[in-house]
Amino acid sequence: MRKEYDFSKSVKNPYAKQLKKQITIRIDEKTIEYFRELAEKTGMPYQSLMNSYLTDCARRHVEPQLQWS
């Protein structure tokens, strides 16, 4: 390793905005189980499936249909 490195000509990561951010979220067990079962069928990790679904909803500007009892 060098003692010093020259970063004066460095370039920002063009993909930095595409990185995912880790958050904490509370999700019902039944919802997690649904995505885990779907993950087994598709061969895709359940977290990626959930992210894909939420991304699709955001792109289509889907608003939840909530009914409080």
N, C-alpha and C. Protein backbone atom coordinates (compact mmCIF):
# COMPACT_ATOMS: atom_id res chain seq x y z
N MET A 1 0.83 -1.18 0.00
CA MET A 1 0.00 0.00 0.00
C MET A 1 0.87 1.24 0.00
N ARG A 2 0.38 2.26 -0.64
CA ARG A 2 1.08 3.54 -0.64
C ARG A 2 0.78 4.30 0.64
N LYS A 3 1.67 5.22 0.96
CA LYS A 3 1.42 6.07 2.11
C LYS A 3 0.33 7.08 1.79
N GLU A 4 0.31 7.57 0.55
CA GLU A 4 -0.68 8.56 0.14
C GLU A 4 -1.22 8.21 -1.25
N TYR A 5 -2.45 8.59 -1.49
CA TYR A 5 -3.08 8.38 -2.79
C TYR A 5 -3.56 9.72 -3.32
N ASP A 6 -3.49 9.89 -4.63
CA ASP A 6 -3.91 11.14 -5.27
C ASP A 6 -5.32 10.95 -5.85
N PHE A 7 -6.31 11.60 -5.24
CA PHE A 7 -7.69 11.51 -5.70
C PHE A 7 -8.13 12.78 -6.44
N SER A 8 -7.19 13.61 -6.81
CA SER A 8 -7.53 14.88 -7.46
C SER A 8 -8.19 14.68 -8.82
N LYS A 9 -7.95 13.57 -9.48
CA LYS A 9 -8.54 13.30 -10.80
C LYS A 9 -9.62 12.23 -10.73
N SER A 10 -10.13 11.98 -9.54
CA SER A 10 -11.14 10.94 -9.39
C SER A 10 -12.49 11.41 -9.93
N VAL A 11 -13.33 10.45 -10.23
CA VAL A 11 -14.66 10.72 -10.78
C VAL A 11 -15.69 10.11 -9.83
N LYS A 12 -16.80 10.84 -9.60
CA LYS A 12 -17.85 10.30 -8.75
C LYS A 12 -18.47 9.07 -9.40
N ASN A 13 -18.94 8.16 -8.58
CA ASN A 13 -19.57 6.94 -9.05
C ASN A 13 -20.88 7.30 -9.77
N PRO A 14 -21.00 7.02 -11.08
CA PRO A 14 -22.23 7.37 -11.81
C PRO A 14 -23.42 6.51 -11.40
N TYR A 15 -23.18 5.42 -10.70
CA TYR A 15 -24.26 4.52 -10.29
C TYR A 15 -24.68 4.74 -8.84
N ALA A 16 -24.11 5.73 -8.19
CA ALA A 16 -24.37 5.94 -6.76
C ALA A 16 -25.85 6.18 -6.48
N LYS A 17 -26.56 6.88 -7.38
CA LYS A 17 -27.98 7.14 -7.16
C LYS A 17 -28.82 5.88 -7.31
N GLN A 18 -28.29 4.87 -7.97
CA GLN A 18 -29.02 3.63 -8.17
C GLN A 18 -28.85 2.65 -7.01
N LEU A 19 -27.98 2.98 -6.06
CA LEU A 19 -27.75 2.08 -4.94
C LEU A 19 -28.99 2.00 -4.06
N LYS A 20 -29.15 0.90 -3.42
CA LYS A 20 -30.28 0.71 -2.53
C LYS A 20 -29.92 1.18 -1.13
N LYS A 21 -30.92 1.63 -0.41
CA LYS A 21 -30.72 2.10 0.96
C LYS A 21 -31.38 1.12 1.91
N GLN A 22 -30.64 0.71 2.91
CA GLN A 22 -31.17 -0.22 3.90
C GLN A 22 -32.03 0.55 4.89
N ILE A 23 -33.24 0.03 5.15
CA ILE A 23 -34.15 0.64 6.10
C ILE A 23 -34.73 -0.45 7.01
N THR A 24 -35.39 -0.02 8.06
CA THR A 24 -36.11 -0.96 8.91
C THR A 24 -37.59 -0.73 8.67
N ILE A 25 -38.32 -1.80 8.42
CA ILE A 25 -39.75 -1.71 8.14
C ILE A 25 -40.46 -2.89 8.80
N ARG A 26 -41.63 -2.64 9.30
CA ARG A 26 -42.42 -3.70 9.94
C ARG A 26 -43.43 -4.22 8.93
N ILE A 27 -43.36 -5.51 8.67
CA ILE A 27 -44.23 -6.14 7.67
C ILE A 27 -44.91 -7.34 8.32
N ASP A 28 -46.19 -7.52 8.02
CA ASP A 28 -46.94 -8.65 8.56
C ASP A 28 -46.30 -9.97 8.16
N GLU A 29 -46.37 -10.94 9.06
CA GLU A 29 -45.80 -12.27 8.80
C GLU A 29 -46.42 -12.90 7.55
N LYS A 30 -47.73 -12.74 7.37
CA LYS A 30 -48.40 -13.33 6.21
C LYS A 30 -47.89 -12.73 4.90
N THR A 31 -47.58 -11.44 4.92
CA THR A 31 -47.04 -10.78 3.72
C THR A 31 -45.65 -11.31 3.41
N ILE A 32 -44.83 -11.45 4.43
CA ILE A 32 -43.48 -11.99 4.24
C ILE A 32 -43.56 -13.41 3.71
N GLU A 33 -44.44 -14.21 4.28
CA GLU A 33 -44.60 -15.60 3.84
C GLU A 33 -45.04 -15.66 2.38
N TYR A 34 -45.95 -14.77 1.99
CA TYR A 34 -46.40 -14.71 0.60
C TYR A 34 -45.21 -14.48 -0.34
N PHE A 35 -44.37 -13.50 -0.02
CA PHE A 35 -43.23 -13.19 -0.87
C PHE A 35 -42.16 -14.29 -0.81
N ARG A 36 -42.03 -14.96 0.31
CA ARG A 36 -41.08 -16.08 0.40
C ARG A 36 -41.52 -17.24 -0.49
N GLU A 37 -42.82 -17.53 -0.48
CA GLU A 37 -43.34 -18.59 -1.34
C GLU A 37 -43.18 -18.22 -2.81
N LEU A 38 -43.45 -16.96 -3.13
CA LEU A 38 -43.28 -16.49 -4.50
C LEU A 38 -41.81 -16.56 -4.91
N ALA A 39 -40.92 -16.28 -3.95
CA ALA A 39 -39.49 -16.33 -4.21
C ALA A 39 -39.04 -17.74 -4.57
N GLU A 40 -39.61 -18.73 -3.90
CA GLU A 40 -39.27 -20.12 -4.21
C GLU A 40 -39.68 -20.48 -5.63
N LYS A 41 -40.84 -20.00 -6.06
CA LYS A 41 -41.33 -20.28 -7.42
C LYS A 41 -40.48 -19.59 -8.48
N THR A 42 -40.06 -18.36 -8.19
CA THR A 42 -39.35 -17.57 -9.19
C THR A 42 -37.84 -17.72 -9.13
N GLY A 43 -37.32 -18.18 -7.98
CA GLY A 43 -35.88 -18.30 -7.82
C GLY A 43 -35.21 -16.95 -7.53
N MET A 44 -36.01 -15.99 -7.13
CA MET A 44 -35.52 -14.64 -6.84
C MET A 44 -35.64 -14.41 -5.34
N PRO A 45 -34.69 -13.73 -4.69
CA PRO A 45 -34.81 -13.48 -3.26
C PRO A 45 -36.07 -12.69 -2.93
N TYR A 46 -36.69 -13.01 -1.80
CA TYR A 46 -37.97 -12.37 -1.48
C TYR A 46 -37.83 -10.87 -1.27
N GLN A 47 -36.68 -10.42 -0.76
CA GLN A 47 -36.49 -8.99 -0.58
C GLN A 47 -36.46 -8.28 -1.94
N SER A 48 -35.85 -8.92 -2.93
CA SER A 48 -35.80 -8.35 -4.27
C SER A 48 -37.19 -8.30 -4.90
N LEU A 49 -37.99 -9.33 -4.65
CA LEU A 49 -39.37 -9.33 -5.15
C LEU A 49 -40.18 -8.20 -4.53
N MET A 50 -40.02 -8.01 -3.23
CA MET A 50 -40.74 -6.93 -2.56
C MET A 50 -40.30 -5.58 -3.11
N ASN A 51 -39.01 -5.40 -3.31
CA ASN A 51 -38.49 -4.15 -3.86
C ASN A 51 -39.02 -3.94 -5.27
N SER A 52 -39.04 -4.99 -6.06
CA SER A 52 -39.54 -4.90 -7.43
C SER A 52 -41.01 -4.48 -7.46
N TYR A 53 -41.79 -5.08 -6.58
CA TYR A 53 -43.22 -4.76 -6.50
C TYR A 53 -43.42 -3.31 -6.08
N LEU A 54 -42.71 -2.87 -5.06
CA LEU A 54 -42.84 -1.49 -4.60
C LEU A 54 -42.36 -0.49 -5.65
N THR A 55 -41.29 -0.84 -6.36
CA THR A 55 -40.79 0.02 -7.44
C THR A 55 -41.84 0.16 -8.54
N ASP A 56 -42.48 -0.97 -8.89
CA ASP A 56 -43.53 -0.94 -9.91
C ASP A 56 -44.69 -0.06 -9.47
N CYS A 57 -45.10 -0.18 -8.22
CA CYS A 57 -46.18 0.65 -7.69
C CYS A 57 -45.81 2.13 -7.76
N ALA A 58 -44.58 2.46 -7.40
CA ALA A 58 -44.13 3.85 -7.41
C ALA A 58 -44.10 4.41 -8.84
N ARG A 59 -43.63 3.61 -9.79
CA ARG A 59 -43.58 4.06 -11.19
C ARG A 59 -44.97 4.32 -11.76
N ARG A 60 -45.93 3.49 -11.35
CA ARG A 60 -47.30 3.63 -11.85
C ARG A 60 -48.15 4.56 -10.98
N HIS A 61 -47.55 5.12 -9.93
CA HIS A 61 -48.25 6.02 -9.00
C HIS A 61 -49.49 5.36 -8.41
N VAL A 62 -49.34 4.12 -8.01
CA VAL A 62 -50.44 3.36 -7.40
C VAL A 62 -50.66 3.87 -5.98
N GLU A 63 -51.89 4.19 -5.66
CA GLU A 63 -52.22 4.61 -4.31
C GLU A 63 -53.02 3.50 -3.63
N PRO A 64 -52.72 3.23 -2.36
CA PRO A 64 -53.40 2.13 -1.66
C PRO A 64 -54.89 2.41 -1.47
N GLN A 65 -55.68 1.35 -1.54
CA GLN A 65 -57.10 1.43 -1.27
C GLN A 65 -57.30 0.93 0.16
N LEU A 66 -57.29 1.84 1.10
CA LEU A 66 -57.37 1.47 2.52
C LEU A 66 -58.77 1.70 3.05
N GLN A 67 -59.20 0.74 3.85
CA GLN A 67 -60.49 0.86 4.54
C GLN A 67 -60.23 0.52 6.00
N TRP A 68 -60.42 1.49 6.87
CA TRP A 68 -60.19 1.28 8.29
C TRP A 68 -61.50 0.83 8.93
N SER A 69 -61.41 -0.21 9.72
CA SER A 69 -62.62 -0.71 10.37
C SER A 69 -62.79 -0.17 11.76
